[in-house]
Protein backbone atom coordinates (compact mmCIF):
# COMPACT_ATOMS: atom_id res chain seq x y z
CA MET A 1 -41.65 16.36 39.45
CA GLU A 2 -43.59 15.51 36.29
CA ASP A 3 -42.27 18.69 34.64
CA ASN A 4 -38.70 17.60 35.41
CA LYS A 5 -39.29 14.17 33.89
CA GLU A 6 -40.78 15.73 30.77
CA LEU A 7 -37.82 18.08 30.52
CA VAL A 8 -35.40 15.16 30.81
CA PHE A 9 -37.26 13.26 28.08
CA ARG A 10 -37.20 16.33 25.81
CA ILE A 11 -33.47 16.79 26.38
CA GLN A 12 -32.81 13.12 25.66
CA LYS A 13 -34.90 13.37 22.50
CA LEU A 14 -32.92 16.41 21.35
CA ILE A 15 -29.64 14.59 22.10
CA ASN A 16 -30.75 11.60 20.02
CA GLU A 17 -31.88 13.85 17.17
CA ASN A 18 -28.55 15.67 17.29
CA LYS A 19 -26.66 12.36 17.12
CA ALA A 20 -28.77 11.29 14.15
CA LEU A 21 -28.10 14.59 12.36
CA GLN A 22 -24.36 14.28 13.03
CA SER A 23 -24.41 10.76 11.60
CA GLN A 24 -26.27 11.96 8.49
CA LEU A 25 -23.85 14.85 8.11
CA LYS A 26 -20.90 12.46 8.30
CA GLU A 27 -22.48 10.17 5.67
CA LEU A 28 -23.20 13.13 3.38
CA LYS A 29 -19.63 14.37 3.76
CA VAL A 30 -18.23 10.95 2.81
CA ARG A 31 -20.64 10.71 -0.14
CA ASN A 32 -19.70 14.23 -1.26
CA GLU A 33 -16.01 13.28 -1.21
CA GLU A 34 -16.79 10.17 -3.27
CA LEU A 35 -18.73 12.21 -5.82
CA GLU A 36 -15.91 14.77 -6.05
CA ASP A 37 -13.39 12.00 -6.72
CA GLU A 38 -15.72 10.45 -9.31
CA ASN A 39 -16.28 13.81 -10.98
CA GLN A 40 -12.54 14.46 -11.21
CA ASN A 41 -12.02 10.98 -12.63
CA TYR A 42 -14.59 11.62 -15.37
CA LYS A 43 -12.98 14.98 -16.18
CA HIS A 44 -9.61 13.26 -16.49
CA LYS A 45 -11.04 10.67 -18.88
CA ILE A 46 -12.79 13.35 -20.98
CA ALA A 47 -9.53 15.27 -21.22
CA LYS A 48 -7.97 12.31 -23.03
CA ILE A 49 -10.66 12.30 -25.76
CA PRO A 50 -9.96 14.43 -28.87
CA GLU A 51 -12.21 17.49 -29.02
CA ASP A 52 -13.78 16.51 -32.37
CA LEU A 53 -14.91 13.14 -30.99
CA LEU A 54 -16.71 14.59 -27.98
CA PRO A 55 -20.55 14.71 -28.06
CA LYS A 56 -22.03 18.12 -28.81
CA GLY A 57 -22.16 20.29 -25.72
CA LEU A 58 -19.54 18.29 -23.84
CA LYS A 59 -16.31 20.23 -23.54
CA SER A 60 -12.96 18.73 -22.86
CA ALA A 61 -11.57 19.30 -19.40
CA PRO A 62 -8.91 21.99 -19.04
CA SER A 63 -5.24 21.06 -19.05
CA SER A 64 -5.24 21.22 -15.25
CA LYS A 65 -7.16 18.94 -12.90
CA THR A 66 -7.64 18.72 -9.18
CA LEU A 67 -7.42 15.51 -7.18
CA ARG A 68 -7.89 14.80 -3.50
CA PHE A 69 -5.55 12.50 -1.59
CA LYS A 70 -6.73 11.29 1.79
CA MET A 71 -3.22 10.45 3.01
CA ALA A 72 -0.14 12.24 1.73
CA THR A 73 3.05 13.20 3.57
CA VAL A 74 4.42 16.67 2.91
CA LEU A 75 8.05 17.57 3.55
CA TYR A 76 8.91 21.26 3.78
CA LEU A 77 12.46 22.39 4.31
CA ASP A 78 13.85 25.85 4.65
CA ILE A 79 17.55 26.29 3.85
CA GLN A 80 18.72 29.38 5.68
CA GLY A 81 21.94 31.37 5.57
CA PHE A 82 21.91 33.20 2.22
CA LYS A 83 23.00 36.48 3.83
CA LYS A 84 25.92 35.12 5.86
CA ILE A 85 27.20 32.97 2.98
CA SER A 86 26.97 35.83 0.47
CA GLU A 87 29.43 37.73 2.67
CA GLN A 88 32.08 35.20 1.55
CA MET A 89 30.82 34.51 -1.99
CA ASN A 90 29.18 36.54 -4.74
CA SER A 91 25.42 36.10 -5.19
CA GLU A 92 25.67 34.06 -8.41
CA ASP A 93 27.97 31.51 -6.78
CA VAL A 94 25.65 31.28 -3.78
CA ILE A 95 22.66 30.60 -6.06
CA ASP A 96 24.66 27.99 -8.00
CA GLU A 97 25.56 26.30 -4.73
CA LEU A 98 21.92 26.28 -3.65
CA ASP A 99 20.88 24.85 -7.02
CA GLN A 100 23.41 22.04 -6.55
CA ILE A 101 21.89 21.23 -3.16
CA PHE A 102 18.39 21.17 -4.66
CA PHE A 103 19.62 18.98 -7.51
CA HIS A 104 20.88 16.42 -4.98
CA PHE A 105 17.57 16.63 -3.10
CA ASN A 106 15.78 15.88 -6.37
CA GLU A 107 17.84 12.71 -6.75
CA ILE A 108 16.91 11.59 -3.22
CA VAL A 109 13.23 12.32 -3.91
CA LYS A 110 13.34 10.20 -7.09
CA LYS A 111 15.00 7.35 -5.19
CA TYR A 112 12.10 7.15 -2.77
CA LYS A 113 9.43 7.75 -5.45
CA ILE A 114 8.35 11.01 -3.86
CA GLN A 115 6.93 13.87 -5.91
CA LYS A 116 8.83 17.16 -5.93
CA ILE A 117 6.27 19.96 -5.64
CA LYS A 118 8.28 23.17 -5.94
CA THR A 119 11.18 25.31 -4.77
CA ILE A 120 10.42 28.76 -3.45
CA GLY A 121 13.60 30.77 -3.12
CA ASP A 122 15.61 28.80 -0.58
CA ALA A 123 12.66 26.58 0.44
CA TYR A 124 11.92 23.12 -0.95
CA MET A 125 8.71 21.08 -0.87
CA CYS A 126 7.96 17.47 -1.84
CA ALA A 127 5.23 14.98 -1.02
CA GLY A 128 4.82 11.21 -0.74
CA GLY A 129 1.57 9.57 -1.82
CA VAL A 130 1.12 12.02 -4.73
CA PRO A 131 0.19 11.42 -7.55
CA VAL A 132 0.25 7.65 -6.87
CA LYS A 133 -1.56 6.74 -3.66
CA ASN A 134 0.39 4.41 -1.37
CA ILE A 135 0.44 3.33 2.23
CA THR A 136 4.21 3.70 2.72
CA ASN A 137 4.54 7.43 1.99
CA PRO A 138 5.22 8.53 5.60
CA ILE A 139 8.17 6.08 5.77
CA ASP A 140 9.42 7.12 2.32
CA VAL A 141 9.45 10.81 3.24
CA VAL A 142 11.21 10.29 6.57
CA LEU A 143 13.89 8.16 4.88
CA ALA A 144 14.38 10.92 2.30
CA ALA A 145 14.63 13.53 5.06
CA LEU A 146 17.35 11.52 6.83
CA GLU A 147 19.37 11.35 3.60
CA MET A 148 18.92 15.09 2.98
CA GLU A 149 20.13 15.87 6.47
CA GLU A 150 23.09 13.49 6.06
CA TYR A 151 24.04 15.12 2.75
CA LEU A 152 24.06 18.63 4.23
CA SER A 153 25.91 17.46 7.35
CA ASN A 154 28.70 15.97 5.21
CA LEU A 155 28.90 19.17 3.15
CA LYS A 156 29.08 21.23 6.33
CA ILE A 157 32.10 19.23 7.51
CA GLU A 158 33.90 19.99 4.25
CA TYR A 159 33.05 23.69 4.48
CA GLU A 160 34.25 23.93 8.09
CA LYS A 161 37.65 22.55 7.01
CA GLU A 162 37.88 25.57 4.66
CA ASN A 163 36.53 27.99 7.31
CA ARG A 164 33.52 28.67 5.10
CA LYS A 165 30.04 29.40 6.38
CA PHE A 166 27.34 26.95 5.45
CA TRP A 167 23.59 26.62 5.08
CA ASP A 168 21.30 25.83 8.01
CA LEU A 169 18.39 23.46 7.51
CA ARG A 170 15.00 23.48 9.19
CA LEU A 171 12.81 20.58 8.16
CA GLY A 172 9.16 19.75 8.92
CA ILE A 173 6.92 16.83 7.97
CA HIS A 174 3.18 16.25 8.34
CA THR A 175 0.81 13.55 7.09
CA GLY A 176 -2.81 14.26 6.15
CA ALA A 177 -5.22 15.00 3.33
CA VAL A 178 -4.20 17.31 0.47
CA THR A 179 -5.71 18.75 -2.67
CA ALA A 180 -3.36 18.50 -5.65
CA THR A 181 -3.69 20.62 -8.77
CA ILE A 182 -2.02 18.86 -11.68
CA GLN A 183 -1.07 20.97 -14.69
CA GLY A 184 0.39 20.26 -18.11
CA ARG A 185 0.30 17.28 -20.43
CA LYS A 186 3.91 16.71 -21.47
CA LYS A 187 5.72 18.36 -18.56
CA ILE A 188 3.48 17.80 -15.55
CA SER A 189 3.71 20.01 -12.48
CA TYR A 190 1.92 19.77 -9.14
CA ASP A 191 0.66 22.26 -6.61
CA LEU A 192 -0.62 21.25 -3.18
CA LYS A 193 -3.13 23.03 -0.99
CA GLY A 194 -4.72 22.34 2.35
CA ASP A 195 -4.02 22.21 6.06
CA THR A 196 -1.42 19.46 5.59
CA VAL A 197 0.83 21.82 3.64
CA ASN A 198 0.39 24.59 6.19
CA ILE A 199 1.13 22.28 9.11
CA ALA A 200 4.28 20.95 7.41
CA THR A 201 5.58 24.53 7.10
CA ARG A 202 4.72 25.11 10.76
CA MET A 203 6.68 21.98 11.68
CA ALA A 204 9.69 23.38 9.81
CA SER A 205 9.49 26.80 11.47
CA ALA A 206 9.17 25.15 14.91
CA SER A 207 12.17 22.90 14.28
CA GLU A 208 15.70 23.47 15.47
CA ILE A 209 18.55 23.64 12.97
CA GLY A 210 19.60 20.21 11.77
CA GLN A 211 16.53 18.44 13.17
CA ILE A 212 13.71 16.57 11.40
CA ASN A 213 10.52 17.78 13.08
CA VAL A 214 7.39 15.69 12.44
CA SER A 215 3.80 16.03 13.56
CA VAL A 216 2.20 13.46 15.84
CA MET A 217 0.26 12.14 12.81
CA THR A 218 3.46 11.25 10.97
CA TYR A 219 5.12 10.04 14.17
CA GLU A 220 2.36 7.48 14.85
CA LEU A 221 2.76 6.06 11.33
CA VAL A 222 6.56 5.66 11.46
CA LYS A 223 7.47 5.22 15.14
CA GLN A 224 8.06 1.46 14.88
CA TYR A 225 10.91 2.07 12.40
CA PHE A 226 12.66 5.17 13.78
CA ASP A 227 14.07 6.46 17.06
CA SER A 228 12.45 9.73 18.03
CA GLU A 229 12.41 12.40 20.71
CA TYR A 230 9.41 14.36 21.98
CA HIS A 231 9.69 18.03 21.04
CA GLY A 232 6.65 19.66 22.65
CA LYS A 233 3.46 21.13 21.24
CA ILE A 234 2.52 23.84 18.80
CA PRO A 235 -0.89 25.55 18.42
CA VAL A 236 -2.62 24.74 15.12
CA LYS A 237 -5.70 26.61 13.91
CA TYR A 238 -8.93 24.66 14.42
CA MET A 239 -6.95 21.68 15.78
CA GLY A 240 -5.70 22.90 19.14
CA ASP A 241 -2.21 22.01 20.36
CA MET A 242 -0.39 19.48 18.17
CA GLU A 243 2.45 17.33 19.49
CA MET A 244 5.79 17.26 17.65
CA TYR A 245 8.67 14.80 17.56
CA TYR A 246 12.25 14.86 16.29
CA ILE A 247 13.16 11.85 14.16
CA LYS A 248 16.72 10.97 15.18
CA ARG A 249 17.60 7.88 13.13
CA ILE A 250 16.47 4.43 11.94
CA LYS A 251 16.26 2.02 14.88
CA LYS A 252 19.53 0.12 15.26
CA LYS A 253 17.99 -3.29 14.56
CA TYR A 254 16.72 -1.95 11.20
CA SER A 255 19.81 0.06 10.26
CA ALA A 256 22.51 -0.93 7.75
CA ASP A 257 24.81 1.74 9.22
CA ARG A 258 24.22 1.13 12.91
CA LYS A 259 26.25 4.19 13.92
CA LEU A 260 24.41 6.79 11.81
CA GLY A 261 21.03 5.13 11.29
CA VAL A 262 20.36 6.69 7.88
CA HIS A 263 20.18 3.65 5.60
CA PRO A 264 17.81 0.67 6.14
CA ASN A 265 18.99 -2.94 6.34
CA GLU A 266 17.36 -6.10 4.96
CA ILE A 267 15.13 -6.56 8.02
CA PHE A 268 13.75 -3.05 7.49
CA ARG A 269 13.28 -3.74 3.78
CA VAL A 270 11.23 -6.88 4.42
CA LYS A 271 9.00 -5.11 6.94
CA TYR A 272 8.58 -2.26 4.45
CA LEU A 273 7.56 -4.69 1.68
CA ILE A 274 5.05 -6.38 3.98
CA ARG A 275 3.50 -2.98 4.68
CA GLN A 276 3.60 -2.12 0.98
CA PHE A 277 1.85 -5.42 0.21
CA THR A 278 -1.48 -3.70 0.88
CA ASP A 279 -0.94 -1.44 -2.16
CA LEU A 280 0.24 -4.32 -4.34
CA GLN A 281 -2.72 -6.47 -3.33
CA GLU A 282 -5.21 -3.71 -4.10
CA MET A 283 -3.78 -3.25 -7.60
CA ILE A 284 -3.64 -6.99 -8.43
CA LEU A 285 -7.15 -7.65 -7.11
CA ASP A 286 -8.41 -4.76 -9.22
CA LYS A 287 -6.69 -6.30 -12.23
CA LEU A 288 -8.28 -9.69 -11.53
CA GLU A 289 -11.74 -8.20 -11.06
CA ARG A 290 -11.47 -6.37 -14.39
CA GLU A 291 -9.69 -8.98 -16.52
CA LEU A 292 -10.67 -12.45 -15.31
CA PRO A 293 -13.18 -14.25 -17.56
CA LYS A 294 -16.73 -14.20 -16.20
CA TYR A 295 -16.98 -18.00 -16.20
CA LEU A 296 -14.33 -18.30 -13.48
CA TYR A 297 -16.79 -18.98 -10.67
CA TYR A 298 -14.08 -20.54 -8.50
CA HIS A 299 -10.77 -19.04 -9.63
CA ASN A 300 -11.91 -15.45 -9.02
CA TYR A 301 -10.45 -12.65 -6.93
CA LYS A 302 -12.27 -13.94 -3.81
CA HIS A 303 -10.34 -17.20 -4.08
CA THR A 304 -7.10 -15.21 -4.30
CA ILE A 305 -7.96 -13.30 -1.12
CA ASP A 306 -8.75 -16.59 0.59
CA VAL A 307 -5.41 -18.14 -0.38
CA VAL A 308 -3.46 -15.02 0.69
CA ASN A 309 -5.11 -15.14 4.13
CA GLN A 310 -4.53 -18.87 4.53
CA ALA A 311 -0.90 -18.62 3.42
CA GLU A 312 -0.30 -16.06 6.15
CA LEU A 313 -2.20 -18.12 8.75
CA ILE A 314 -0.49 -21.43 7.97
CA GLY A 315 2.87 -19.68 7.58
CA TYR A 316 2.71 -18.27 11.10
CA GLY A 317 1.40 -21.64 12.31
CA GLU A 318 4.52 -23.28 10.88
CA GLY A 319 6.73 -20.68 12.57
CA VAL A 320 8.28 -19.09 9.48
CA ASP A 321 9.85 -15.61 9.61
CA ASP A 322 8.67 -12.30 8.11
CA GLN A 323 10.68 -12.82 4.92
CA ALA A 324 8.90 -16.15 4.32
CA ILE A 325 5.48 -14.61 5.09
CA LEU A 326 6.16 -11.92 2.49
CA LEU A 327 7.12 -14.51 -0.14
CA LEU A 328 4.07 -16.66 0.68
CA MET A 329 1.53 -13.84 0.53
CA THR A 330 3.01 -12.49 -2.69
CA ALA A 331 3.01 -15.93 -4.33
CA ALA A 332 -0.60 -16.43 -3.22
CA LEU A 333 -1.55 -13.07 -4.72
CA PHE A 334 -0.12 -14.00 -8.13
CA HIS A 335 -0.75 -17.75 -8.15
CA ASP A 336 -3.99 -17.48 -10.17
CA ALA A 337 -3.28 -14.16 -11.91
CA GLY A 338 -2.30 -16.16 -15.00
CA HIS A 339 -5.99 -16.89 -15.59
CA THR A 340 -6.13 -13.40 -17.13
CA ILE A 341 -4.02 -14.88 -19.96
CA GLY A 342 -5.18 -18.49 -20.19
CA TYR A 343 -6.79 -21.29 -18.19
CA ASP A 344 -4.32 -24.06 -18.90
CA ASN A 345 -0.78 -23.35 -17.66
CA HIS A 346 -2.12 -20.41 -15.66
CA GLU A 347 0.56 -21.05 -13.01
CA TYR A 348 3.31 -20.29 -15.53
CA PHE A 349 1.44 -17.22 -16.80
CA GLY A 350 1.15 -16.09 -13.19
CA THR A 351 4.93 -16.21 -12.79
CA GLN A 352 5.30 -14.05 -15.91
CA ILE A 353 2.95 -11.43 -14.47
CA ALA A 354 4.83 -11.55 -11.16
CA ARG A 355 8.15 -10.98 -12.95
CA GLU A 356 6.65 -7.95 -14.69
CA TRP A 357 5.11 -6.36 -11.59
CA LEU A 358 7.37 -7.14 -8.65
CA PRO A 359 10.52 -5.23 -9.70
CA LYS A 360 8.38 -2.06 -9.65
CA PHE A 361 7.67 -2.78 -5.98
CA ASN A 362 11.34 -3.23 -5.05
CA TYR A 363 11.38 -7.02 -4.78
CA SER A 364 14.85 -8.46 -5.38
CA GLU A 365 15.59 -10.89 -8.21
CA LYS A 366 16.23 -13.63 -5.63
CA GLN A 367 12.87 -13.00 -3.97
CA ILE A 368 11.07 -13.03 -7.32
CA ASP A 369 12.68 -16.34 -8.34
CA GLU A 370 11.56 -17.97 -5.09
CA ILE A 371 8.05 -16.54 -5.41
CA CYS A 372 7.78 -18.02 -8.91
CA ASP A 373 8.94 -21.42 -7.63
CA ILE A 374 6.24 -21.27 -4.94
CA ILE A 375 3.59 -20.40 -7.54
CA MET A 376 4.59 -23.32 -9.78
CA ALA A 377 4.23 -25.70 -6.80
CA THR A 378 0.43 -25.16 -6.93
CA LYS A 379 0.22 -26.95 -10.29
CA LEU A 380 -1.76 -30.18 -9.96
CA PRO A 381 -0.88 -32.78 -8.93
CA PRO A 382 1.01 -30.98 -6.16
CA ASP A 383 4.56 -32.08 -5.45
CA PRO A 384 6.04 -29.43 -3.13
CA LYS A 385 9.74 -29.61 -2.25
CA THR A 386 10.21 -26.85 0.34
CA LEU A 387 8.24 -25.81 3.42
CA LEU A 388 6.95 -22.66 1.70
CA GLN A 389 5.80 -24.70 -1.29
CA LYS A 390 3.98 -27.08 1.09
CA ILE A 391 2.30 -24.11 2.79
CA ILE A 392 1.05 -22.63 -0.50
CA CYS A 393 -0.32 -26.00 -1.63
CA ASP A 394 -2.24 -26.41 1.63
CA SER A 395 -3.49 -22.82 1.38
CA ASP A 396 -4.67 -23.30 -2.20
CA LEU A 397 -6.69 -26.41 -1.30
CA ASP A 398 -7.73 -25.31 2.18
CA TYR A 399 -11.43 -25.49 1.22
CA LEU A 400 -11.18 -29.30 1.05
CA GLY A 401 -11.36 -29.41 4.84
CA ARG A 402 -13.82 -26.59 5.44
CA SER A 403 -17.53 -26.76 6.23
CA ASP A 404 -18.33 -24.88 3.00
CA PHE A 405 -16.56 -27.49 0.88
CA ILE A 406 -19.59 -28.60 -1.15
CA PRO A 407 -20.79 -25.13 -2.28
CA VAL A 408 -17.20 -24.10 -3.07
CA SER A 409 -16.63 -27.37 -4.94
CA ASN A 410 -19.80 -26.73 -6.95
CA THR A 411 -18.43 -23.37 -8.17
CA LEU A 412 -15.39 -25.21 -9.51
CA TYR A 413 -17.74 -27.67 -11.24
CA GLU A 414 -19.70 -24.81 -12.84
CA GLU A 415 -16.42 -23.27 -14.00
CA LEU A 416 -15.27 -26.49 -15.67
CA LYS A 417 -18.72 -27.15 -17.14
CA ALA A 418 -18.78 -23.67 -18.72
CA GLN A 419 -15.61 -24.64 -20.63
CA ASN A 420 -16.92 -28.08 -21.60
CA LYS A 421 -14.30 -29.70 -19.36
CA MET A 422 -16.79 -31.58 -17.16
CA GLY A 423 -19.99 -33.59 -17.61
CA SER A 424 -22.67 -34.16 -14.99
CA LEU A 425 -22.57 -33.05 -11.37
CA ASN A 426 -22.81 -36.71 -10.35
CA ALA A 427 -19.64 -37.49 -12.32
CA TRP A 428 -17.95 -34.52 -10.72
CA ASN A 429 -18.82 -35.74 -7.23
CA LYS A 430 -17.30 -39.14 -8.00
CA ILE A 431 -14.09 -37.40 -9.09
CA GLN A 432 -14.15 -35.35 -5.89
CA VAL A 433 -14.41 -38.45 -3.70
CA LYS A 434 -11.46 -40.01 -5.52
CA PHE A 435 -9.43 -36.79 -5.23
CA LEU A 436 -10.21 -36.32 -1.54
CA SER A 437 -9.37 -39.93 -0.75
CA VAL A 438 -5.80 -39.61 -2.04
CA HIS A 439 -5.21 -35.96 -1.11
CA GLN A 440 -2.97 -35.12 1.83
CA PHE A 441 -2.18 -31.87 3.55
CA PHE A 442 1.56 -31.32 3.76
CA THR A 443 1.89 -29.18 6.92
CA ASP A 444 1.09 -29.96 10.53
CA THR A 445 -0.93 -26.75 10.79
CA ALA A 446 -3.23 -27.64 7.89
CA ASN A 447 -3.59 -31.20 9.11
CA ASN A 448 -4.60 -29.99 12.57
CA LEU A 449 -7.05 -27.47 11.12
CA ARG A 450 -8.62 -29.39 8.23
CA GLU A 451 -7.86 -33.11 8.02
CA VAL A 452 -10.67 -34.33 10.30
CA ASN A 453 -13.27 -32.22 8.51
CA LYS A 454 -11.94 -33.37 5.14
CA GLN A 455 -12.73 -36.97 6.02
CA ALA A 456 -16.26 -35.88 6.95
CA GLN A 457 -16.63 -34.24 3.52
CA ILE A 458 -15.89 -37.57 1.81
CA GLU A 459 -18.81 -39.19 3.61
CA ARG A 460 -21.10 -36.26 2.82
CA ILE A 461 -20.35 -36.47 -0.92
CA LYS A 462 -20.67 -40.24 -1.01
CA ALA A 463 -24.17 -39.85 0.44
CA ILE A 464 -25.37 -37.67 -2.46
CA ILE A 465 -23.81 -39.69 -5.30
CA ASP A 466 -26.00 -41.92 -7.45
CA TRP A 467 -23.52 -44.76 -7.93
CA ASP A 468 -25.74 -46.58 -10.44
CA ALA A 469 -26.24 -43.58 -12.75
CA GLU A 470 -24.41 -43.44 -16.08
CA ASP A 471 -22.28 -40.27 -16.19
């Protein structure tokens, strides 16, 4: 009996050791990936430095570089039918026709900001999320695939009227990690390697003619936007059986052409921009972290994150729609970005930065104008006119009714003091009491969340003020 107990303990010990080793291996793998990315980044920077300015012994990186992308979506399509079409046309005309098809595909790829990788005979490959990482690449690639299929379907109708044979299309899509080799300086070309590429080609070969066959990985990332149909499983090396789905169309409620389901409507576009907001936020926060003056102890990137979160929270509390949430979060993201240009009038500078950035992220002129109006509403003293302007004002000054009011308020004091805009802390506290006493939250949500606590803050500050001191 004792031997059995000892054996059980030894087995348990081995299991625990194995778990610990697996955890260490996972950590080392993540760290190795980070070091590889860092190494490639340094090589890229070195490549930009003229050879004669490099320290002795440090050689410039070659004209090609390799980058890893943790999430890219690869589209592989195989256009079949060269033999049957060449029976009706000479080979040169067939090749010209194929080139025309690929030219149109290139235009679709550019529209959705997808990177063309290469054409191999009558096969075509492109990828979303390369070379610019983004969270929307699975959606972008599926939208492009729908347009490609629509284009060929329309051509096929024309050819059938003339009793001409036409190309058949097999199309596969998969989302996963890729390794991209980037070559050239003036004319840049890309080559992709990895399981993601191989699986995308398998998806194409397993597809039926005229269908868009996607892996379960891509399906899970796009299923809320598109109607799909289960297509079975396919064996994948080292991964077992992988499920496949046919993408049929954009869901009717998101489709501008409800019959075909190829082109998205405004509801789709807003949901897309909300999803894309993650990429925009990452880039703006990086800009703020790099460019904001060090003395901005309060108006830093953490404050921006706070206001974005509160704008979303209060917005939903006030019952606004997705379009309004998008405008609110975007305005909150840019509302203090102007501090990278100047402290005074930073709200106006923030609108200028927004007008520069947002067109690149497919915001409409109307949306940008409203976002800029919302930003300007945060200028003190606040005088908001619309519900969204009231929400942003309450979000910006949300800390007034929070339990961490005093430490947050002190960072604002340190910021003003560093610019010789404020005297003693005692004087600052007197100003705070006066400001809090006249301040009002504009929305019911903010009042319910913060007003009671704000009144408590007034009493707390009054208790630490030396009213007899000369400031």
